[in-house]
Structure formats: C-alpha cells, structure tokens
Protein backbone atom coordinates (compact mmCIF):
# COMPACT_ATOMS: atom_id res chain seq x y z
CA MET A 1 320.08 213.61 38.03
CA SER A 2 323.08 215.24 36.70
CA PHE A 3 325.93 213.92 33.94
CA ILE A 4 328.93 215.77 33.72
CA TYR A 5 331.91 214.71 31.35
CA LEU A 6 335.00 215.66 31.85
CA ILE A 7 337.44 215.16 28.63
CA ARG A 8 340.33 215.84 28.20
CA HIS A 9 341.44 217.30 24.55
CA ALA A 10 342.76 214.97 21.79
CA THR A 11 346.68 214.08 20.53
CA PRO A 12 348.20 217.86 19.83
CA ASP A 13 351.09 218.14 17.74
CA TRP A 14 353.91 217.83 20.40
CA SER A 15 356.69 218.87 18.08
CA ARG A 16 355.67 222.23 17.39
CA THR A 17 357.88 223.77 20.07
CA ASP A 18 357.48 226.82 17.93
CA ILE A 19 353.78 227.69 19.90
CA PRO A 20 353.81 227.74 23.58
CA TYR A 21 351.41 224.99 25.05
CA PHE A 22 349.66 227.31 27.20
CA THR A 23 349.06 230.03 25.28
CA PRO A 24 346.36 230.50 22.94
CA PRO A 25 346.41 228.87 20.32
CA GLY A 26 348.73 226.27 21.19
CA PRO A 27 349.22 223.46 19.16
CA PRO A 28 346.87 222.23 16.68
CA LEU A 29 345.97 218.45 16.54
CA THR A 30 347.55 216.22 14.72
CA GLU A 31 345.53 212.83 12.35
CA GLN A 32 345.72 210.52 15.27
CA GLY A 33 344.50 213.58 17.55
CA GLU A 34 341.43 213.65 14.68
CA ALA A 35 340.79 210.05 14.80
CA GLU A 36 340.36 210.03 18.37
CA ALA A 37 338.33 212.94 18.48
CA ALA A 38 335.72 211.52 16.15
CA GLN A 39 335.48 208.35 18.55
CA LEU A 40 335.05 210.79 21.57
CA GLY A 41 331.91 212.07 19.05
CA VAL A 42 330.33 208.23 18.96
CA PHE A 43 330.48 207.94 22.67
CA LEU A 44 328.97 211.11 23.41
CA ARG A 45 326.01 210.50 21.29
CA GLU A 46 325.81 207.52 22.49
CA ALA A 47 325.64 208.88 25.96
CA GLY A 48 322.79 211.76 24.99
CA VAL A 49 325.35 215.00 25.80
CA LYS A 50 323.21 217.69 24.89
CA GLN A 51 325.80 220.44 25.30
CA ILE A 52 329.57 220.80 24.88
CA LEU A 53 331.57 223.15 26.33
CA THR A 54 335.11 223.78 25.61
CA SER A 55 338.65 225.76 26.51
CA PRO A 56 339.70 228.59 24.01
CA MET A 57 342.87 226.75 22.83
CA GLU A 58 342.47 225.40 19.74
CA ARG A 59 343.71 221.48 20.29
CA CYS A 60 340.27 221.66 22.40
CA GLN A 61 338.33 224.05 19.92
CA ARG A 62 338.80 220.91 17.22
CA THR A 63 338.24 218.51 19.44
CA ALA A 64 335.00 219.87 20.26
CA GLN A 65 334.63 220.61 16.84
CA ILE A 66 334.67 217.19 15.52
CA ALA A 67 332.66 216.11 18.99
CA ALA A 68 330.34 218.27 18.26
CA GLU A 69 329.67 217.14 14.49
CA SER A 70 328.78 213.61 15.97
CA LEU A 71 326.02 215.04 17.83
CA ALA A 72 325.26 217.78 15.69
CA ILE A 73 325.11 220.64 18.15
CA PRO A 74 327.54 223.60 18.64
CA PHE A 75 329.90 223.98 20.95
CA ILE A 76 330.85 226.74 23.61
CA ILE A 77 334.03 228.34 24.15
CA ASP A 78 334.34 228.98 27.90
CA ASN A 79 337.48 230.86 29.37
CA GLY A 80 337.28 228.77 32.13
CA LEU A 81 338.39 225.61 31.32
CA THR A 82 341.47 227.00 29.84
CA GLU A 83 344.83 225.17 30.41
CA TRP A 84 347.11 225.80 32.95
CA LYS A 85 349.49 228.02 32.67
CA PRO A 86 353.15 228.73 34.49
CA GLY A 87 352.77 230.73 37.86
CA ASP A 88 348.78 229.21 38.48
CA LYS A 89 348.42 227.59 41.76
CA GLU A 90 345.74 224.81 42.50
CA ASP A 91 343.65 227.28 43.77
CA ASP A 92 343.66 229.82 40.88
CA ILE A 93 342.50 226.55 39.00
CA LYS A 94 339.42 225.34 41.84
CA ALA A 95 338.37 229.58 41.63
CA ARG A 96 338.70 229.48 37.93
CA LEU A 97 336.79 226.11 37.43
CA TRP A 98 334.00 225.78 40.15
CA PRO A 99 331.55 228.53 38.36
CA VAL A 100 331.74 226.10 35.02
CA TRP A 101 331.66 223.39 36.95
CA GLU A 102 328.53 224.59 39.09
CA GLN A 103 327.24 226.20 35.41
CA ALA A 104 327.59 222.40 34.15
CA HIS A 105 325.80 220.55 37.02
CA ALA A 106 322.77 223.22 36.78
CA PHE A 107 322.70 222.89 33.10
CA SER A 108 322.46 219.05 33.90
CA ALA A 109 320.43 218.39 36.25
CA GLN A 110 317.50 220.72 33.77
CA THR A 111 318.91 219.16 30.16
CA GLY A 112 320.75 216.19 30.08
CA PRO A 113 324.51 215.24 29.71
CA ILE A 114 327.15 217.76 29.10
CA ALA A 115 330.51 217.64 28.41
CA LEU A 116 333.77 219.96 29.24
CA ILE A 117 336.64 219.55 27.28
CA THR A 118 339.96 221.06 29.16
CA HIS A 119 343.00 219.60 30.03
CA GLY A 120 344.74 216.92 32.11
CA GLY A 121 345.84 219.49 34.84
CA PRO A 122 342.75 221.08 35.17
CA ILE A 123 340.86 218.01 35.11
CA ALA A 124 342.89 216.32 38.13
CA THR A 125 342.43 219.50 40.14
CA LEU A 126 338.69 218.97 39.53
CA LEU A 127 338.41 215.46 40.28
CA SER A 128 340.39 215.99 43.58
CA VAL A 129 338.02 218.53 44.64
CA LEU A 130 335.15 216.31 43.79
CA GLY A 131 336.55 213.47 45.92
CA VAL A 132 338.31 210.81 43.88
CA ASP A 133 340.99 209.57 46.36
CA LYS A 134 344.47 210.76 45.47
CA LEU A 135 345.86 207.57 45.02
CA VAL A 136 343.40 206.49 42.13
CA ILE A 137 343.72 209.62 40.43
CA ASP A 138 347.86 208.91 40.66
CA HIS A 139 347.61 206.01 39.61
CA HIS A 140 345.72 206.75 36.35
CA LYS A 141 348.63 209.43 36.01
CA LYS A 142 350.97 206.72 35.52
CA LEU A 143 348.65 204.55 33.26
CA PHE A 144 349.08 208.06 30.29
CA ASP A 145 350.96 209.95 29.56
CA ARG A 146 352.41 213.40 30.73
CA ASN A 147 351.20 212.58 34.00
CA ASN A 148 347.51 212.93 32.90
CA PRO A 149 344.52 210.89 35.13
CA LEU A 150 343.06 210.25 31.40
CA PRO A 151 344.55 209.83 27.63
CA PRO A 152 344.26 212.68 25.14
CA ALA A 153 340.40 212.23 24.22
CA GLY A 154 339.58 210.28 27.53
CA ALA A 155 336.73 211.32 29.31
CA TRP A 156 335.64 210.59 33.39
CA GLN A 157 331.86 210.76 33.97
CA ALA A 158 330.41 212.30 36.73
CA GLU A 159 327.05 211.20 37.73
CA ARG A 160 325.07 213.33 40.66
CA VAL A 161 324.23 210.88 43.20
CA ASN A 162 322.23 212.01 46.12
CA GLU A 163 324.18 214.92 47.77
CA SER A 164 327.76 213.50 46.81
CA TRP A 165 328.96 212.85 42.64
CA SER A 166 330.44 209.19 42.12
CA LEU A 167 332.84 209.40 39.08
CA ARG A 168 334.56 206.74 36.69
CA LEU A 169 336.97 206.78 34.02
CA ALA A 170 334.00 205.84 31.24
CA PHE A 171 336.07 206.82 27.74
CA VAL A 172 339.00 205.78 26.95
CA PRO A 173 339.97 206.12 22.81
CA GLU A 174 341.03 202.97 20.83
CA ALA A 175 344.64 203.36 21.12
CA TYR A 176 345.05 203.51 24.84
CA ARG A 177 342.90 200.89 26.04
CA GLN A 178 345.69 198.21 26.16
CA LYS A 179 346.55 200.69 29.19
CA LEU A 180 343.93 199.84 30.63
CA VAL A 181 343.94 197.36 33.86
CA VAL A 182 341.47 194.87 33.59
C-alpha cells in the first residue's frame, strides 16, 4: 500500500511585491502561515509520514521545516516540486513532477507515507493526471484562494488501491474549514 500527501505551502506574504512569486526564494510565510504549517505538522505526524520532499521556494521550505519538526524528521528539497513559471505548459509540469511522483510512490510502498510540499498549480496538474475528475478539481478551486484546489497548508491524500489511485482532500487548516461543504 502507498500513501502520498500532496500539500500546498502555507500562507505566504502576498504583500511582498518586491519578490517575484515564481523565482526563488519567493515570498516568506506570514505568522498565519507559520501557524498553518504547525497544524499541518500535527496532521502529518498522526498520519505516520516518514519523509517530506519540498519545493525549493522559501514558502515551501519553511512549511516543510515547521511540519518536519513536529515529526522529528528532516526534509529534502526537490527541484521537481518547484512553482509553475511563466511560459511553462502543463506538459512541462507533468514531465517535471512525474519522476518525483514515481519516487514518492516507491518510497511509500517500502517505508510508509510521504509528503510532497509544493504549489497549487502543480498539485492541480497531478490531480488531473491521477484521474480526479475536472469537475471535482474545479469545485475545489472555487472554495479556496487564487484558483487553487486546496487551501494553504492543505493536503490531498493519494492512496494506491490495486492498480489505481484513490484521492481525497484529507487536511484543511482550521482557518479554512468553514469553506468546506458538509
């Protein structure tokens, strides 16, 4: 069995227009973002996550650092998880993410759950590649900020069932839970 958590970084400082969003380091987390990352760490600890891979962007690294402290494990930077850049096409994102996904699946099958901390655009692409219906992705994009299929520090869980993946939104930080339809 394999469990992979697709996680969007916690809330960055959107007011930092002096720092390009898609070029490292990108904007840092806000205080709210740091609190979201701490909540994420508790969730990941309870989920038994054994490894965290993260985008090289500062907002992802800081999210990973805070979450990893809760698990008492290190995190690993993986350039394949970086932000969508101007000029990138969906096929570029797929080509960059798929090797990371396959590595995560192999690790998880052998060792246990793994978390991938990245960005909303790449997560939407992976959800589509993994078979999540476009209507479901679009529904989630309407719930959360900036047309993302999950909130800051939110997590989709991918579980390997037989030969296919079962995906669901598994974690939403407290500040965003009221947006979910029960």
